[in-house]
Structure formats: structure tokens, C-alpha cells
């Protein structure tokens, strides 16, 4: 187990407020991080992607940094413009 995972586990045990909100916050962060990684690996800037999605650079930044409330249709458009396929799973 990594030091980060150990810290998170210990913090969850000692801080119920942290534990309550951690998983949701982490999932939102992870979605934004994945979207940013895919955009960068496609060789596009936020501005270039925004033009392809008919939106503003600030909207792309918001999606990548605060993806907690992103719509499925937006994710589908994002993936399509980047030549990717969106897969959703429930575990």
C-alpha cells in the first residue's frame, strides 16, 4: 500500500467528515484528470478542444478541474471529439 493510500485510510478512520465526502470528491477529481490526460494525449489545447465542442476554454477548464457535476451527454461529446469511446460501468 502506498504512503498516500495509508494516509487516506488513516485519515478516513480519524475524520468522519473527511471519510464521508472523500469518495465522491475523489471520483470527480479522477474523471477530470482522465479527461485532461486524454485531451493532452490527443495533442489538443483546452482552446482547441473548446472550438471543436462549440464552447469556451473556461468550460473545458471547469470540466477538467471540477467534473463532479458533468452530464453524460457532455462526456460522450468529449470522447467523440477526441476520437475515443465512452464506457460506463457500475461496480
PDB file of N, CA and C in Angstrom:
ATOM      1  N   UNK A   1       0.862  -1.185   0.000  1.00  0.00           N
ATOM      2  CA  UNK A   1       0.000   0.000   0.000  1.00  0.00           C
ATOM      3  C   UNK A   1       0.902   1.240   0.000  1.00  0.00           C
ATOM      4  N   UNK A   2       0.597   2.183  -0.871  1.00  0.00           N
ATOM      5  CA  UNK A   2       1.411   3.394  -0.978  1.00  0.00           C
ATOM      6  C   UNK A   2       1.216   4.293   0.235  1.00  0.00           C
ATOM      7  N   UNK A   3       2.142   5.218   0.407  1.00  0.00           N
ATOM      8  CA  UNK A   3       2.040   6.177   1.517  1.00  0.00           C
ATOM      9  C   UNK A   3       0.753   6.990   1.420  1.00  0.00           C
ATOM     10  N   UNK A   4       0.371   7.355   0.194  1.00  0.00           N
ATOM     11  CA  UNK A   4      -0.856   8.123   0.010  1.00  0.00           C
ATOM     12  C   UNK A   4      -2.075   7.311   0.445  1.00  0.00           C
ATOM     13  N   UNK A   5      -2.128   6.051   0.034  1.00  0.00           N
ATOM     14  CA  UNK A   5      -3.257   5.199   0.416  1.00  0.00           C
ATOM     15  C   UNK A   5      -3.297   4.984   1.926  1.00  0.00           C
ATOM     16  N   UNK A   6      -2.130   4.853   2.546  1.00  0.00           N
ATOM     17  CA  UNK A   6      -2.065   4.706   4.004  1.00  0.00           C
ATOM     18  C   UNK A   6      -2.596   5.966   4.683  1.00  0.00           C
ATOM     19  N   UNK A   7      -2.165   7.125   4.167  1.00  0.00           N
ATOM     20  CA  UNK A   7      -2.624   8.393   4.738  1.00  0.00           C
ATOM     21  C   UNK A   7      -4.146   8.520   4.621  1.00  0.00           C
ATOM     22  N   UNK A   8      -4.675   8.207   3.454  1.00  0.00           N
ATOM     23  CA  UNK A   8      -6.124   8.325   3.230  1.00  0.00           C
ATOM     24  C   UNK A   8      -6.882   7.386   4.167  1.00  0.00           C
ATOM     25  N   UNK A   9      -6.426   6.143   4.268  1.00  0.00           N
ATOM     26  CA  UNK A   9      -7.093   5.186   5.155  1.00  0.00           C
ATOM     27  C   UNK A   9      -7.073   5.666   6.602  1.00  0.00           C
ATOM     28  N   UNK A  10      -5.929   6.162   7.056  1.00  0.00           N
ATOM     29  CA  UNK A  10      -5.797   6.652   8.433  1.00  0.00           C
ATOM     30  C   UNK A  10      -6.682   7.874   8.660  1.00  0.00           C
ATOM     31  N   UNK A  11      -6.687   8.770   7.683  1.00  0.00           N
ATOM     32  CA  UNK A  11      -7.491   9.993   7.798  1.00  0.00           C
ATOM     33  C   UNK A  11      -8.983   9.662   7.819  1.00  0.00           C
ATOM     34  N   UNK A  12      -9.399   8.691   7.006  1.00  0.00           N
ATOM     35  CA  UNK A  12     -10.807   8.280   6.996  1.00  0.00           C
ATOM     36  C   UNK A  12     -11.220   7.714   8.355  1.00  0.00           C
ATOM     37  N   UNK A  13     -10.318   6.971   8.990  1.00  0.00           N
ATOM     38  CA  UNK A  13     -10.607   6.390  10.302  1.00  0.00           C
ATOM     39  C   UNK A  13     -10.760   7.458  11.377  1.00  0.00           C
ATOM     40  N   UNK A  14      -9.962   8.502  11.275  1.00  0.00           N
ATOM     41  CA  UNK A  14      -9.941   9.509  12.344  1.00  0.00           C
ATOM     42  C   UNK A  14     -10.830  10.720  12.081  1.00  0.00           C
ATOM     43  N   UNK A  15     -11.304  10.901  10.849  1.00  0.00           N
ATOM     44  CA  UNK A  15     -12.067  12.102  10.493  1.00  0.00           C
ATOM     45  C   UNK A  15     -13.312  11.696   9.700  1.00  0.00           C
ATOM     46  N   UNK A  16     -14.436  11.595  10.379  1.00  0.00           N
ATOM     47  CA  UNK A  16     -15.663  11.121   9.725  1.00  0.00           C
ATOM     48  C   UNK A  16     -16.128  12.064   8.619  1.00  0.00           C
ATOM     49  N   UNK A  17     -15.922  13.356   8.764  1.00  0.00           N
ATOM     50  CA  UNK A  17     -16.315  14.321   7.729  1.00  0.00           C
ATOM     51  C   UNK A  17     -15.488  14.109   6.460  1.00  0.00           C
ATOM     52  N   UNK A  18     -14.195  13.894   6.640  1.00  0.00           N
ATOM     53  CA  UNK A  18     -13.303  13.602   5.511  1.00  0.00           C
ATOM     54  C   UNK A  18     -13.745  12.310   4.820  1.00  0.00           C
ATOM     55  N   UNK A  19     -14.028  11.281   5.614  1.00  0.00           N
ATOM     56  CA  UNK A  19     -14.422   9.984   5.073  1.00  0.00           C
ATOM     57  C   UNK A  19     -15.732  10.077   4.301  1.00  0.00           C
ATOM     58  N   UNK A  20     -16.667  10.867   4.821  1.00  0.00           N
ATOM     59  CA  UNK A  20     -17.990  10.983   4.201  1.00  0.00           C
ATOM     60  C   UNK A  20     -17.904  11.554   2.785  1.00  0.00           C
ATOM     61  N   UNK A  21     -17.086  12.557   2.586  1.00  0.00           N
ATOM     62  CA  UNK A  21     -17.024  13.258   1.299  1.00  0.00           C
ATOM     63  C   UNK A  21     -15.884  12.807   0.391  1.00  0.00           C
ATOM     64  N   UNK A  22     -14.967  12.009   0.910  1.00  0.00           N
ATOM     65  CA  UNK A  22     -13.764  11.675   0.147  1.00  0.00           C
ATOM     66  C   UNK A  22     -14.061  10.940  -1.154  1.00  0.00           C
ATOM     67  N   UNK A  23     -14.832   9.859  -1.087  1.00  0.00           N
ATOM     68  CA  UNK A  23     -15.034   9.036  -2.276  1.00  0.00           C
ATOM     69  C   UNK A  23     -15.699   9.792  -3.418  1.00  0.00           C
ATOM     70  N   UNK A  24     -16.717  10.588  -3.111  1.00  0.00           N
ATOM     71  CA  UNK A  24     -17.364  11.382  -4.161  1.00  0.00           C
ATOM     72  C   UNK A  24     -16.397  12.399  -4.751  1.00  0.00           C
ATOM     73  N   UNK A  25     -15.668  13.070  -3.897  1.00  0.00           N
ATOM     74  CA  UNK A  25     -14.701  14.065  -4.366  1.00  0.00           C
ATOM     75  C   UNK A  25     -13.593  13.436  -5.183  1.00  0.00           C
ATOM     76  N   UNK A  26     -13.141  12.277  -4.751  1.00  0.00           N
ATOM     77  CA  UNK A  26     -12.077  11.590  -5.482  1.00  0.00           C
ATOM     78  C   UNK A  26     -12.549  11.164  -6.861  1.00  0.00           C
ATOM     79  N   UNK A  27     -13.773  10.664  -6.970  1.00  0.00           N
ATOM     80  CA  UNK A  27     -14.300  10.250  -8.270  1.00  0.00           C
ATOM     81  C   UNK A  27     -14.398  11.432  -9.224  1.00  0.00           C
ATOM     82  N   UNK A  28     -14.845  12.573  -8.726  1.00  0.00           N
ATOM     83  CA  UNK A  28     -14.936  13.769  -9.569  1.00  0.00           C
ATOM     84  C   UNK A  28     -13.551  14.187 -10.041  1.00  0.00           C
ATOM     85  N   UNK A  29     -12.577  14.151  -9.122  1.00  0.00           N
ATOM     86  CA  UNK A  29     -11.202  14.505  -9.477  1.00  0.00           C
ATOM     87  C   UNK A  29     -10.676  13.548 -10.537  1.00  0.00           C
ATOM     88  N   UNK A  30     -10.946  12.257 -10.357  1.00  0.00           N
ATOM     89  CA  UNK A  30     -10.431  11.243 -11.261  1.00  0.00           C
ATOM     90  C   UNK A  30     -11.004  11.423 -12.664  1.00  0.00           C
ATOM     91  N   UNK A  31     -12.287  11.730 -12.768  1.00  0.00           N
ATOM     92  CA  UNK A  31     -12.902  11.955 -14.075  1.00  0.00           C
ATOM     93  C   UNK A  31     -12.231  13.133 -14.777  1.00  0.00           C
ATOM     94  N   UNK A  32     -12.069  14.234 -14.061  1.00  0.00           N
ATOM     95  CA  UNK A  32     -11.427  15.410 -14.647  1.00  0.00           C
ATOM     96  C   UNK A  32      -9.999  15.123 -15.069  1.00  0.00           C
ATOM     97  N   UNK A  33      -9.268  14.378 -14.239  1.00  0.00           N
ATOM     98  CA  UNK A  33      -7.878  14.049 -14.555  1.00  0.00           C
ATOM     99  C   UNK A  33      -7.788  13.165 -15.796  1.00  0.00           C
ATOM    100  N   UNK A  34      -8.705  12.222 -15.924  1.00  0.00           N
ATOM    101  CA  UNK A  34      -8.724  11.351 -17.104  1.00  0.00           C
ATOM    102  C   UNK A  34      -9.046  12.161 -18.360  1.00  0.00           C
ATOM    103  N   UNK A  35     -10.020  13.048 -18.263  1.00  0.00           N
ATOM    104  CA  UNK A  35     -10.378  13.879 -19.416  1.00  0.00           C
ATOM    105  C   UNK A  35      -9.206  14.747 -19.857  1.00  0.00           C
ATOM    106  N   UNK A  36      -8.513  15.322 -18.903  1.00  0.00           N
ATOM    107  CA  UNK A  36      -7.348  16.153 -19.225  1.00  0.00           C
ATOM    108  C   UNK A  36      -6.260  15.312 -19.881  1.00  0.00           C
ATOM    109  N   UNK A  37      -6.012  14.130 -19.336  1.00  0.00           N
ATOM    110  CA  UNK A  37      -4.988  13.250 -19.884  1.00  0.00           C
ATOM    111  C   UNK A  37      -5.310  12.851 -21.326  1.00  0.00           C
ATOM    112  N   UNK A  38      -6.566  12.523 -21.599  1.00  0.00           N
ATOM    113  CA  UNK A  38      -6.972  12.136 -22.952  1.00  0.00           C
ATOM    114  C   UNK A  38      -6.817  13.315 -23.904  1.00  0.00           C
ATOM    115  N   UNK A  39      -7.234  14.506 -23.451  1.00  0.00           N
ATOM    116  CA  UNK A  39      -7.095  15.703 -24.302  1.00  0.00           C
ATOM    117  C   UNK A  39      -5.630  15.937 -24.640  1.00  0.00           C
ATOM    118  N   UNK A  40      -4.770  15.884 -23.623  1.00  0.00           N
ATOM    119  CA  UNK A  40      -3.348  16.131 -23.852  1.00  0.00           C
ATOM    120  C   UNK A  40      -2.723  15.064 -24.748  1.00  0.00           C
ATOM    121  N   UNK A  41      -3.111  13.802 -24.557  1.00  0.00           N
ATOM    122  CA  UNK A  41      -2.549  12.737 -25.394  1.00  0.00           C
ATOM    123  C   UNK A  41      -3.030  12.851 -26.840  1.00  0.00           C
ATOM    124  N   UNK A  42      -4.145  13.545 -27.033  1.00  0.00           N
ATOM    125  CA  UNK A  42      -4.647  13.799 -28.390  1.00  0.00           C
ATOM    126  C   UNK A  42      -3.969  15.013 -29.022  1.00  0.00           C
ATOM    127  N   UNK A  43      -3.135  15.692 -28.238  1.00  0.00           N
ATOM    128  CA  UNK A  43      -2.380  16.823 -28.758  1.00  0.00           C
ATOM    129  C   UNK A  43      -3.170  18.113 -28.864  1.00  0.00           C
ATOM    130  N   UNK A  44      -4.260  18.225 -28.108  1.00  0.00           N
ATOM    131  CA  UNK A  44      -5.101  19.421 -28.178  1.00  0.00           C
ATOM    132  C   UNK A  44      -4.945  20.281 -26.928  1.00  0.00           C
ATOM    133  N   UNK A  45      -5.024  21.577 -27.132  1.00  0.00           N
ATOM    134  CA  UNK A  45      -5.093  22.504 -26.011  1.00  0.00           C
ATOM    135  C   UNK A  45      -6.556  22.607 -25.576  1.00  0.00           C
ATOM    136  N   UNK A  46      -6.770  23.203 -24.430  1.00  0.00           N
ATOM    137  CA  UNK A  46      -8.152  23.434 -23.993  1.00  0.00           C
ATOM    138  C   UNK A  46      -8.898  24.283 -25.010  1.00  0.00           C
ATOM    139  N   UNK A  47      -8.229  25.278 -25.542  1.00  0.00           N
ATOM    140  CA  UNK A  47      -8.865  26.169 -26.514  1.00  0.00           C
ATOM    141  C   UNK A  47      -9.254  25.428 -27.797  1.00  0.00           C
ATOM    142  N   UNK A  48      -8.371  24.566 -28.281  1.00  0.00           N
ATOM    143  CA  UNK A  48      -8.675  23.803 -29.486  1.00  0.00           C
ATOM    144  C   UNK A  48      -9.852  22.858 -29.265  1.00  0.00           C
ATOM    145  N   UNK A  49      -9.866  22.204 -28.115  1.00  0.00           N
ATOM    146  CA  UNK A  49     -10.976  21.307 -27.800  1.00  0.00           C
ATOM    147  C   UNK A  49     -12.273  22.090 -27.655  1.00  0.00           C
ATOM    148  N   UNK A  50     -12.205  23.246 -27.037  1.00  0.00           N
ATOM    149  CA  UNK A  50     -13.399  24.081 -26.872  1.00  0.00           C
ATOM    150  C   UNK A  50     -14.003  24.432 -28.229  1.00  0.00           C
ATOM    151  N   UNK A  51     -13.155  24.776 -29.194  1.00  0.00           N
ATOM    152  CA  UNK A  51     -13.658  25.104 -30.530  1.00  0.00           C
ATOM    153  C   UNK A  51     -14.371  23.912 -31.158  1.00  0.00           C
ATOM    154  N   UNK A  52     -13.799  22.723 -30.982  1.00  0.00           N
ATOM    155  CA  UNK A  52     -14.419  21.519 -31.550  1.00  0.00           C
ATOM    156  C   UNK A  52     -15.744  21.197 -30.879  1.00  0.00           C
ATOM    157  N   UNK A  53     -15.881  21.568 -29.612  1.00  0.00           N
ATOM    158  CA  UNK A  53     -17.112  21.306 -28.864  1.00  0.00           C
ATOM    159  C   UNK A  53     -18.075  22.494 -28.889  1.00  0.00           C
ATOM    160  N   UNK A  54     -17.695  23.547 -29.603  1.00  0.00           N
ATOM    161  CA  UNK A  54     -18.522  24.755 -29.709  1.00  0.00           C
ATOM    162  C   UNK A  54     -18.815  25.347 -28.329  1.00  0.00           C
ATOM    163  N   UNK A  55     -17.752  25.490 -27.554  1.00  0.00           N
ATOM    164  CA  UNK A  55     -17.877  26.079 -26.223  1.00  0.00           C
ATOM    165  C   UNK A  55     -16.656  26.951 -25.960  1.00  0.00           C
ATOM    166  N   UNK A  56     -16.470  27.362 -24.723  1.00  0.00           N
ATOM    167  CA  UNK A  56     -15.356  28.240 -24.359  1.00  0.00           C
ATOM    168  C   UNK A  56     -14.280  27.453 -23.621  1.00  0.00           C
ATOM    169  N   UNK A  57     -13.074  27.977 -23.689  1.00  0.00           N
ATOM    170  CA  UNK A  57     -11.942  27.374 -22.983  1.00  0.00           C
ATOM    171  C   UNK A  57     -12.242  27.243 -21.495  1.00  0.00           C
ATOM    172  N   UNK A  58     -12.914  28.219 -20.930  1.00  0.00           N
ATOM    173  CA  UNK A  58     -13.230  28.183 -19.496  1.00  0.00           C
ATOM    174  C   UNK A  58     -14.131  26.992 -19.157  1.00  0.00           C
ATOM    175  N   UNK A  59     -14.990  26.596 -20.093  1.00  0.00           N
ATOM    176  CA  UNK A  59     -15.858  25.434 -19.865  1.00  0.00           C
ATOM    177  C   UNK A  59     -15.028  24.148 -19.814  1.00  0.00           C
ATOM    178  N   UNK A  60     -14.028  24.051 -20.677  1.00  0.00           N
ATOM    179  CA  UNK A  60     -13.147  22.876 -20.679  1.00  0.00           C
ATOM    180  C   UNK A  60     -12.347  22.839 -19.380  1.00  0.00           C
ATOM    181  N   UNK A  61     -11.842  23.962 -18.968  1.00  0.00           N
ATOM    182  CA  UNK A  61     -11.099  24.039 -17.711  1.00  0.00           C
ATOM    183  C   UNK A  61     -11.975  23.617 -16.531  1.00  0.00           C
ATOM    184  N   UNK A  62     -13.192  24.091 -16.518  1.00  0.00           N
ATOM    185  CA  UNK A  62     -14.124  23.751 -15.438  1.00  0.00           C
ATOM    186  C   UNK A  62     -14.396  22.241 -15.427  1.00  0.00           C
ATOM    187  N   UNK A  63     -14.580  21.653 -16.594  1.00  0.00           N
ATOM    188  CA  UNK A  63     -14.813  20.212 -16.683  1.00  0.00           C
ATOM    189  C   UNK A  63     -13.608  19.440 -16.148  1.00  0.00           C
ATOM    190  N   UNK A  64     -12.410  19.845 -16.567  1.00  0.00           N
ATOM    191  CA  UNK A  64     -11.212  19.129 -16.157  1.00  0.00           C
ATOM    192  C   UNK A  64     -10.894  19.307 -14.671  1.00  0.00           C
ATOM    193  N   UNK A  65     -11.274  20.424 -14.108  1.00  0.00           N
ATOM    194  CA  UNK A  65     -10.912  20.702 -12.720  1.00  0.00           C
ATOM    195  C   UNK A  65     -12.042  20.501 -11.724  1.00  0.00           C
ATOM    196  N   UNK A  66     -13.280  20.454 -12.193  1.00  0.00           N
ATOM    197  CA  UNK A  66     -14.436  20.317 -11.299  1.00  0.00           C
ATOM    198  C   UNK A  66     -15.489  19.445 -11.967  1.00  0.00           C
ATOM    199  N   UNK A  67     -15.157  18.196 -12.234  1.00  0.00           N
ATOM    200  CA  UNK A  67     -16.029  17.326 -13.019  1.00  0.00           C
ATOM    201  C   UNK A  67     -17.124  16.666 -12.191  1.00  0.00           C
ATOM    202  N   UNK A  68     -17.375  17.161 -10.991  1.00  0.00           N
ATOM    203  CA  UNK A  68     -18.342  16.479 -10.125  1.00  0.00           C
ATOM    204  C   UNK A  68     -19.775  16.520 -10.632  1.00  0.00           C
ATOM    205  N   UNK A  69     -20.091  17.418 -11.524  1.00  0.00           N
ATOM    206  CA  UNK A  69     -21.471  17.544 -11.979  1.00  0.00           C
ATOM    207  C   UNK A  69     -21.558  17.523 -13.505  1.00  0.00           C
ATOM    208  N   UNK A  70     -20.747  16.704 -14.135  1.00  0.00           N
ATOM    209  CA  UNK A  70     -20.707  16.663 -15.590  1.00  0.00           C
ATOM    210  C   UNK A  70     -21.816  15.747 -16.118  1.00  0.00           C
ATOM    211  N   UNK A  71     -22.432  16.157 -17.188  1.00  0.00           N
ATOM    212  CA  UNK A  71     -23.525  15.387 -17.787  1.00  0.00           C
ATOM    213  C   UNK A  71     -22.947  14.270 -18.659  1.00  0.00           C
ATOM    214  N   UNK A  72     -23.659  13.176 -18.730  1.00  0.00           N
ATOM    215  CA  UNK A  72     -23.243  12.051 -19.557  1.00  0.00           C
ATOM    216  C   UNK A  72     -23.140  12.469 -21.017  1.00  0.00           C
ATOM    217  N   UNK A  73     -24.059  13.296 -21.469  1.00  0.00           N
ATOM    218  CA  UNK A  73     -24.022  13.747 -22.869  1.00  0.00           C
ATOM    219  C   UNK A  73     -22.755  14.560 -23.150  1.00  0.00           C
ATOM    220  N   UNK A  74     -22.295  15.312 -22.157  1.00  0.00           N
ATOM    221  CA  UNK A  74     -21.055  16.078 -22.312  1.00  0.00           C
ATOM    222  C   UNK A  74     -19.866  15.140 -22.402  1.00  0.00           C
ATOM    223  N   UNK A  75     -19.845  14.115 -21.565  1.00  0.00           N
ATOM    224  CA  UNK A  75     -18.765  13.127 -21.622  1.00  0.00           C
ATOM    225  C   UNK A  75     -18.736  12.432 -22.980  1.00  0.00           C
ATOM    226  N   UNK A  76     -19.909  12.113 -23.504  1.00  0.00           N
ATOM    227  CA  UNK A  76     -19.986  11.458 -24.812  1.00  0.00           C
ATOM    228  C   UNK A  76     -19.432  12.355 -25.914  1.00  0.00           C
ATOM    229  N   UNK A  77     -19.787  13.637 -25.892  1.00  0.00           N
ATOM    230  CA  UNK A  77     -19.277  14.587 -26.893  1.00  0.00           C
ATOM    231  C   UNK A  77     -17.765  14.732 -26.760  1.00  0.00           C
ATOM    232  N   UNK A  78     -17.296  14.849 -25.524  1.00  0.00           N
ATOM    233  CA  UNK A  78     -15.870  14.980 -25.234  1.00  0.00           C
ATOM    234  C   UNK A  78     -15.119  13.802 -25.853  1.00  0.00           C
ATOM    235  N   UNK A  79     -15.585  12.585 -25.579  1.00  0.00           N
ATOM    236  CA  UNK A  79     -14.938  11.379 -26.096  1.00  0.00           C
ATOM    237  C   UNK A  79     -14.982  11.338 -27.622  1.00  0.00           C
ATOM    238  N   UNK A  80     -16.125  11.657 -28.186  1.00  0.00           N
ATOM    239  CA  UNK A  80     -16.292  11.604 -29.638  1.00  0.00           C
ATOM    240  C   UNK A  80     -15.333  12.556 -30.347  1.00  0.00           C
ATOM    241  N   UNK A  81     -15.249  13.782 -29.867  1.00  0.00           N
ATOM    242  CA  UNK A  81     -14.366  14.777 -30.482  1.00  0.00           C
ATOM    243  C   UNK A  81     -12.905  14.343 -30.406  1.00  0.00           C
ATOM    244  N   UNK A  82     -12.556  13.602 -29.351  1.00  0.00           N
ATOM    245  CA  UNK A  82     -11.182  13.142 -29.193  1.00  0.00           C
ATOM    246  C   UNK A  82     -10.944  11.782 -29.859  1.00  0.00           C
ATOM    247  N   UNK A  83     -11.954  11.299 -30.572  1.00  0.00           N
ATOM    248  CA  UNK A  83     -11.806  10.028 -31.272  1.00  0.00           C
ATOM    249  C   UNK A  83     -11.784   8.839 -30.338  1.00  0.00           C
ATOM    250  N   UNK A  84     -12.444   8.979 -29.213  1.00  0.00           N
ATOM    251  CA  UNK A  84     -12.475   7.915 -28.203  1.00  0.00           C
ATOM    252  C   UNK A  84     -13.893   7.412 -28.026  1.00  0.00           C
ATOM    253  N   UNK A  85     -14.015   6.342 -27.269  1.00  0.00           N
ATOM    254  CA  UNK A  85     -15.315   5.750 -26.963  1.00  0.00           C
ATOM    255  C   UNK A  85     -15.520   5.844 -25.459  1.00  0.00           C
ATOM    256  N   UNK A  86     -16.695   6.269 -25.049  1.00  0.00           N
ATOM    257  CA  UNK A  86     -17.025   6.364 -23.628  1.00  0.00           C
ATOM    258  C   UNK A  86     -17.585   5.028 -23.149  1.00  0.00           C
ATOM    259  N   UNK A  87     -17.040   4.538 -22.061  1.00  0.00           N
ATOM    260  CA  UNK A  87     -17.539   3.314 -21.437  1.00  0.00           C
ATOM    261  C   UNK A  87     -17.896   3.651 -20.001  1.00  0.00           C
ATOM    262  N   UNK A  88     -19.064   3.211 -19.566  1.00  0.00           N
ATOM    263  CA  UNK A  88     -19.512   3.452 -18.200  1.00  0.00           C
ATOM    264  C   UNK A  88     -19.727   2.097 -17.538  1.00  0.00           C
ATOM    265  N   UNK A  89     -19.270   1.965 -16.309  1.00  0.00           N
ATOM    266  CA  UNK A  89     -19.520   0.717 -15.598  1.00  0.00           C
ATOM    267  C   UNK A  89     -19.981   1.020 -14.185  1.00  0.00           C
ATOM    268  N   UNK A  90     -20.752   0.110 -13.659  1.00  0.00           N
ATOM    269  CA  UNK A  90     -21.206   0.214 -12.277  1.00  0.00           C
ATOM    270  C   UNK A  90     -20.654  -1.008 -11.561  1.00  0.00           C
ATOM    271  N   UNK A  91     -19.949  -0.760 -10.477  1.00  0.00           N
ATOM    272  CA  UNK A  91     -19.324  -1.873  -9.738  1.00  0.00           C
ATOM    273  C   UNK A  91     -19.943  -2.015  -8.381  1.00  0.00           C
TER     274      UNK A  91
END
